[in-house]
Protein backbone atom coordinates (compact mmCIF):
# COMPACT_ATOMS: atom_id res chain seq x y z
CA MET A 1 -6.51 -0.86 15.12
CA ASP A 2 -5.63 -3.55 18.41
CA ALA A 3 -5.80 -6.61 15.68
CA VAL A 4 -4.03 -5.18 13.23
CA VAL A 5 -1.02 -4.58 15.74
CA ASP A 6 -1.54 -8.24 16.69
CA HIS A 7 -0.87 -9.38 13.52
CA TYR A 8 1.97 -7.26 12.81
CA THR A 9 3.52 -7.87 16.40
CA ASN A 10 3.30 -11.92 15.73
CA GLY A 11 5.02 -12.02 11.95
CA ASP A 12 7.97 -10.14 10.21
CA GLU A 13 6.82 -7.38 7.76
CA ASP A 14 10.82 -6.72 7.85
CA VAL A 15 11.92 -9.58 6.79
CA ARG A 16 8.47 -10.45 3.93
CA MET A 17 10.03 -7.39 1.56
CA THR A 18 13.20 -9.46 1.04
CA LEU A 19 12.72 -12.22 -0.02
CA ASP A 20 12.44 -12.77 -3.76
CA ARG A 21 8.99 -13.70 -4.34
CA ASN A 22 8.58 -10.08 -2.99
CA ARG A 23 11.32 -8.71 -5.50
CA VAL A 24 8.22 -7.05 -8.10
CA GLU A 25 6.65 -5.74 -5.53
CA TRP A 26 9.72 -3.99 -4.33
CA VAL A 27 10.91 -3.42 -7.38
CA ARG A 28 7.61 -1.70 -8.60
CA THR A 29 6.57 0.38 -5.72
CA CYS A 30 10.83 1.78 -5.49
CA GLU A 31 10.38 2.54 -9.70
CA LEU A 32 6.82 4.15 -8.71
CA LEU A 33 8.01 6.45 -5.65
CA ASP A 34 10.51 7.49 -7.81
CA ARG A 35 7.93 8.88 -10.75
CA TRP A 36 5.33 10.25 -8.37
CA LEU A 37 7.26 12.62 -5.82
CA PRO A 38 8.84 15.46 -5.57
CA PRO A 39 12.72 15.39 -5.96
CA PRO A 40 14.80 15.12 -3.01
CA PRO A 41 15.39 16.83 -0.29
CA ALA A 42 11.03 17.15 -0.24
CA ALA A 43 9.64 16.29 3.30
CA VAL A 44 8.04 13.37 3.16
CA ILE A 45 5.79 11.28 5.47
CA ASP A 46 5.60 7.69 5.77
CA ILE A 47 1.96 7.32 7.48
CA GLY A 48 1.51 3.46 8.49
CA GLY A 49 5.59 2.58 7.27
CA GLY A 50 6.43 -0.38 9.04
CA PRO A 51 9.71 -1.57 9.61
CA GLY A 52 10.62 1.83 7.96
CA ARG A 53 12.48 -0.31 4.50
CA GLN A 54 10.37 2.03 2.06
CA ALA A 55 11.37 4.66 4.41
CA ARG A 56 15.06 4.23 4.29
CA TYR A 57 15.19 3.97 0.94
CA LEU A 58 14.12 7.38 0.72
CA VAL A 59 16.09 9.02 3.11
CA ASP A 60 19.51 7.50 1.14
CA ARG A 61 17.71 9.25 -2.00
CA GLY A 62 17.87 12.50 0.05
CA TYR A 63 14.32 13.01 1.06
CA ASP A 64 13.42 14.40 4.43
CA VAL A 65 11.15 11.31 5.91
CA THR A 66 9.21 10.85 8.92
CA LEU A 67 7.62 7.71 9.89
CA TYR A 68 4.69 6.66 12.09
CA ASP A 69 3.41 3.91 12.86
CA PRO A 70 0.70 2.03 15.21
CA VAL A 71 2.79 -1.00 15.83
CA PRO A 72 5.34 -0.61 18.27
CA LYS A 73 8.10 -3.29 16.95
CA HIS A 74 7.72 -1.30 13.52
CA ILE A 75 8.61 1.92 15.30
CA GLU A 76 11.99 -0.01 16.69
CA GLN A 77 12.95 -1.48 13.86
CA ALA A 78 12.31 1.59 11.34
CA ARG A 79 14.36 3.33 14.59
CA ALA A 80 17.18 1.26 13.80
CA ARG A 81 18.07 1.19 10.36
CA GLY A 82 18.24 5.41 11.12
CA VAL A 83 14.84 6.68 10.50
CA PRO A 84 12.97 9.19 12.83
CA ALA A 85 9.60 7.25 13.66
CA PHE A 86 6.87 7.47 16.12
CA PRO A 87 4.02 6.51 17.30
CA GLY A 88 0.72 7.04 14.96
CA ASP A 89 -2.58 6.51 13.48
CA ALA A 90 -3.45 7.18 9.72
CA ARG A 91 -7.01 8.86 10.93
CA ARG A 92 -5.23 11.40 13.44
CA ILE A 93 -1.63 11.68 11.88
CA PRO A 94 0.44 14.26 14.91
CA VAL A 95 1.63 16.68 12.10
CA ASP A 96 1.30 20.41 11.54
CA ASP A 97 -1.27 21.33 8.59
CA ARG A 98 0.69 21.76 5.21
CA ALA A 99 3.96 20.44 6.37
CA ALA A 100 4.68 17.92 3.65
CA ASP A 101 5.49 17.88 0.18
CA ALA A 102 4.16 14.30 0.01
CA VAL A 103 2.59 12.01 2.36
CA LEU A 104 2.41 8.46 1.98
CA LEU A 105 -0.50 5.52 2.84
CA LEU A 106 1.65 1.70 1.36
CA GLY A 107 -0.57 -0.04 3.93
CA PRO A 108 -3.20 1.89 6.58
CA LEU A 109 -5.79 1.70 3.57
CA TYR A 110 -5.73 -1.65 2.85
CA HIS A 111 -6.69 -2.14 7.62
CA LEU A 112 -9.47 0.39 7.48
CA PRO A 113 -12.29 -1.94 6.01
CA ALA A 114 -14.64 0.74 7.47
CA ALA A 115 -15.38 3.59 4.49
CA ALA A 116 -15.34 6.21 6.67
CA ASP A 117 -11.84 5.15 8.94
CA ARG A 118 -10.42 5.46 4.66
CA ALA A 119 -11.76 8.30 4.03
CA GLN A 120 -10.75 10.23 7.64
CA ALA A 121 -7.15 8.49 6.84
CA LEU A 122 -7.27 10.59 3.10
CA SER A 123 -8.73 13.47 5.16
CA GLU A 124 -5.91 13.69 7.00
CA ALA A 125 -3.16 13.03 4.50
CA VAL A 126 -4.24 15.96 2.71
CA ARG A 127 -4.63 18.25 5.83
CA THR A 128 -1.16 17.62 5.80
CA LEU A 129 -0.04 18.49 2.56
CA ARG A 130 1.46 21.70 0.81
CA PRO A 131 -0.27 22.60 -1.62
CA GLY A 132 0.96 20.73 -5.31
CA GLY A 133 1.78 18.51 -2.90
CA VAL A 134 1.01 14.54 -3.24
CA VAL A 135 -0.56 11.43 -1.29
CA VAL A 136 0.92 8.17 -2.68
CA VAL A 137 -1.98 5.75 -1.55
CA ALA A 138 -1.08 0.98 -1.90
CA ALA A 139 -4.26 -0.90 -1.71
CA LEU A 140 -4.83 -4.25 -2.16
CA SER A 141 -6.88 -4.79 -5.07
CA ARG A 142 -10.16 -7.69 -4.56
CA TRP A 143 -9.59 -8.58 -8.57
CA GLY A 144 -6.31 -9.50 -7.79
CA ARG A 145 -7.14 -12.10 -5.40
CA LEU A 146 -8.52 -14.38 -8.43
CA PHE A 147 -4.98 -14.33 -10.06
CA VAL A 148 -3.81 -15.84 -6.52
CA ARG A 149 -6.72 -18.20 -6.66
CA ALA A 150 -5.14 -19.04 -10.10
CA ALA A 151 -1.93 -19.39 -9.00
CA GLY A 152 -2.03 -21.24 -6.53
CA ASP A 153 -4.22 -24.03 -8.63
CA GLN A 154 -7.26 -23.34 -6.10
CA LEU A 155 -9.50 -22.31 -8.67
CA ASN A 156 -11.65 -25.55 -8.23
CA ASP A 157 -11.80 -25.79 -4.32
CA GLN A 158 -14.76 -24.90 -2.98
CA THR A 159 -14.44 -22.85 0.34
CA TRP A 160 -10.87 -20.62 -1.59
CA HIS A 161 -14.35 -20.19 -4.28
CA GLU A 162 -16.42 -19.00 -2.10
CA HIS A 163 -13.24 -17.11 -0.11
CA THR A 164 -12.57 -15.21 -3.32
CA MET A 165 -16.13 -14.18 -4.19
CA SER A 166 -16.48 -12.45 -1.03
CA THR A 167 -13.70 -10.96 -1.96
CA MET A 168 -15.24 -9.65 -4.89
CA LEU A 169 -18.35 -8.83 -4.34
CA ASP A 170 -17.71 -7.30 -0.64
CA GLY A 171 -13.83 -5.80 -0.76
CA ARG A 172 -13.48 -8.87 2.17
CA VAL A 173 -14.25 -11.55 4.34
CA ASP A 174 -16.08 -11.57 7.26
CA SER A 175 -15.59 -15.47 7.87
CA GLY A 176 -12.25 -16.07 7.18
CA ASP A 177 -8.58 -15.81 9.63
CA ALA A 178 -6.52 -13.58 10.97
CA TRP A 179 -5.45 -11.55 7.88
CA ASP A 180 -9.21 -11.74 6.50
CA ASN A 181 -10.50 -9.78 10.05
CA VAL A 182 -7.65 -6.93 9.44
CA ALA A 183 -7.45 -7.10 6.03
CA TYR A 184 -9.69 -4.75 2.93
CA LEU A 185 -9.45 -4.83 -1.45
CA HIS A 186 -10.46 -1.98 -3.03
CA ASP A 187 -11.90 -1.17 -6.83
CA PRO A 188 -9.14 0.94 -8.92
CA GLN A 189 -12.44 2.84 -9.78
CA GLU A 190 -13.55 2.88 -5.25
CA LEU A 191 -9.91 3.71 -4.87
CA ALA A 192 -9.84 6.98 -7.58
CA ALA A 193 -13.19 7.86 -6.20
CA GLU A 194 -12.38 7.78 -2.13
CA LEU A 195 -8.74 9.87 -3.43
CA GLN A 196 -11.35 12.44 -5.43
CA ALA A 197 -13.35 12.84 -2.19
CA SER A 198 -10.88 13.85 -0.39
CA GLY A 199 -10.09 16.37 -2.61
CA LEU A 200 -7.21 15.56 -4.59
CA GLY A 201 -6.79 16.01 -7.93
CA GLU A 202 -4.80 14.61 -10.88
CA ILE A 203 -4.92 11.03 -10.06
CA ARG A 204 -3.44 8.22 -11.39
CA VAL A 205 -4.44 4.15 -10.31
CA VAL A 206 -2.12 1.56 -11.50
CA GLY A 207 -1.65 -1.95 -10.85
CA VAL A 208 2.24 -2.86 -9.17
CA GLU A 209 2.94 -6.93 -10.33
CA GLY A 210 0.81 -7.37 -13.19
CA PRO A 211 -1.41 -10.35 -14.57
CA ILE A 212 1.94 -12.38 -13.90
CA GLY A 213 2.64 -10.88 -10.03
CA ALA A 214 0.91 -13.77 -8.21
CA TRP A 215 2.99 -16.87 -10.56
CA ALA A 216 5.94 -15.08 -10.21
CA ARG A 217 5.43 -15.37 -5.86
CA LEU A 218 5.21 -18.49 -6.41
CA ASP A 219 8.12 -19.32 -8.51
CA PRO A 220 9.77 -16.09 -8.52
CA THR A 221 12.31 -16.85 -11.74
CA LEU A 222 9.68 -15.53 -13.06
CA ASN A 223 10.76 -11.80 -11.74
CA VAL A 224 12.20 -10.59 -14.27
CA LYS A 225 9.77 -11.63 -17.25
CA ALA A 226 6.26 -10.40 -14.17
CA LEU A 227 8.50 -6.76 -14.36
CA GLU A 228 7.95 -6.20 -17.63
CA ILE A 229 4.32 -6.80 -18.42
CA ALA A 230 3.85 -4.89 -14.99
CA ARG A 231 5.40 -2.11 -16.41
CA THR A 232 3.36 -2.05 -20.36
CA ALA A 233 -0.03 -3.17 -18.43
CA GLU A 234 0.20 -1.12 -14.82
CA ALA A 235 -2.73 1.27 -16.42
CA THR A 236 -4.66 -1.03 -18.05
CA MET A 237 -4.58 -3.88 -16.54
CA ALA A 238 -3.93 -2.23 -12.57
CA GLU A 239 -6.70 -4.51 -11.21
CA THR A 240 -4.89 -8.01 -12.22
CA SER A 241 -2.31 -6.55 -9.56
CA ILE A 242 -2.72 -8.32 -6.55
CA HIS A 243 -1.13 -4.54 -4.93
CA LEU A 244 -2.43 -1.00 -6.23
CA LEU A 245 -0.47 2.41 -6.46
CA ALA A 246 -2.66 5.49 -6.41
CA VAL A 247 -0.95 9.10 -6.34
CA GLY A 248 -3.37 12.21 -6.47
CA VAL A 249 -2.27 15.85 -6.19
CA ARG A 250 -3.42 18.95 -3.32
CA THR A 251 -4.38 21.51 -5.29
CA GLU A 252 -5.40 24.66 -3.64
């Protein structure tokens, strides 16, 4: 977790989601939350919510949102935009049982390479949900990495090829850069299975940016087309996205 904190302390996640290159990710994530969350004023716990942009989006729509994050910088940024924010680790959420109508895990799972840690985070999310509540989970797609390489014209680069193959085979790269050291990438079926193992039902996994999302990141003039394609291909081509988004319901 120290490496994750260092990565986000030294970076600027708050600015990242304002950039045109990430417009498709932002719009699609908001669309899916609007579709899947119970209506306001539902109580939402945003675990690993970063600087609070997504939480603020929900607060402005009438939701009762509380954010937890392990990065002190993020907590300060979230509080500065009026979001109640506190220190917290997805594996040990400081929230009572059945306290929420919805739990967001829009970052923690792709920073927990160990399956046991991901299982613990999902178990915690389910614990805090009321029956009928939903968990919404984000993940990085291991197959989407291939489309990132294609968009960057890197398919013939042997170093990047080895990096991509390691990601596709294992979901992570052991000898990569600082991001690789704190990243895990899912297969869509693997993600669905992890949600099911946590006790969630009615599970759906979709792609966020769609099959040309990687190109839109490099050329934001493609954003409108990328959004249209992403909406059409969200289920049938989920794995081609950079990010996956999944939802599950606590049925007991």
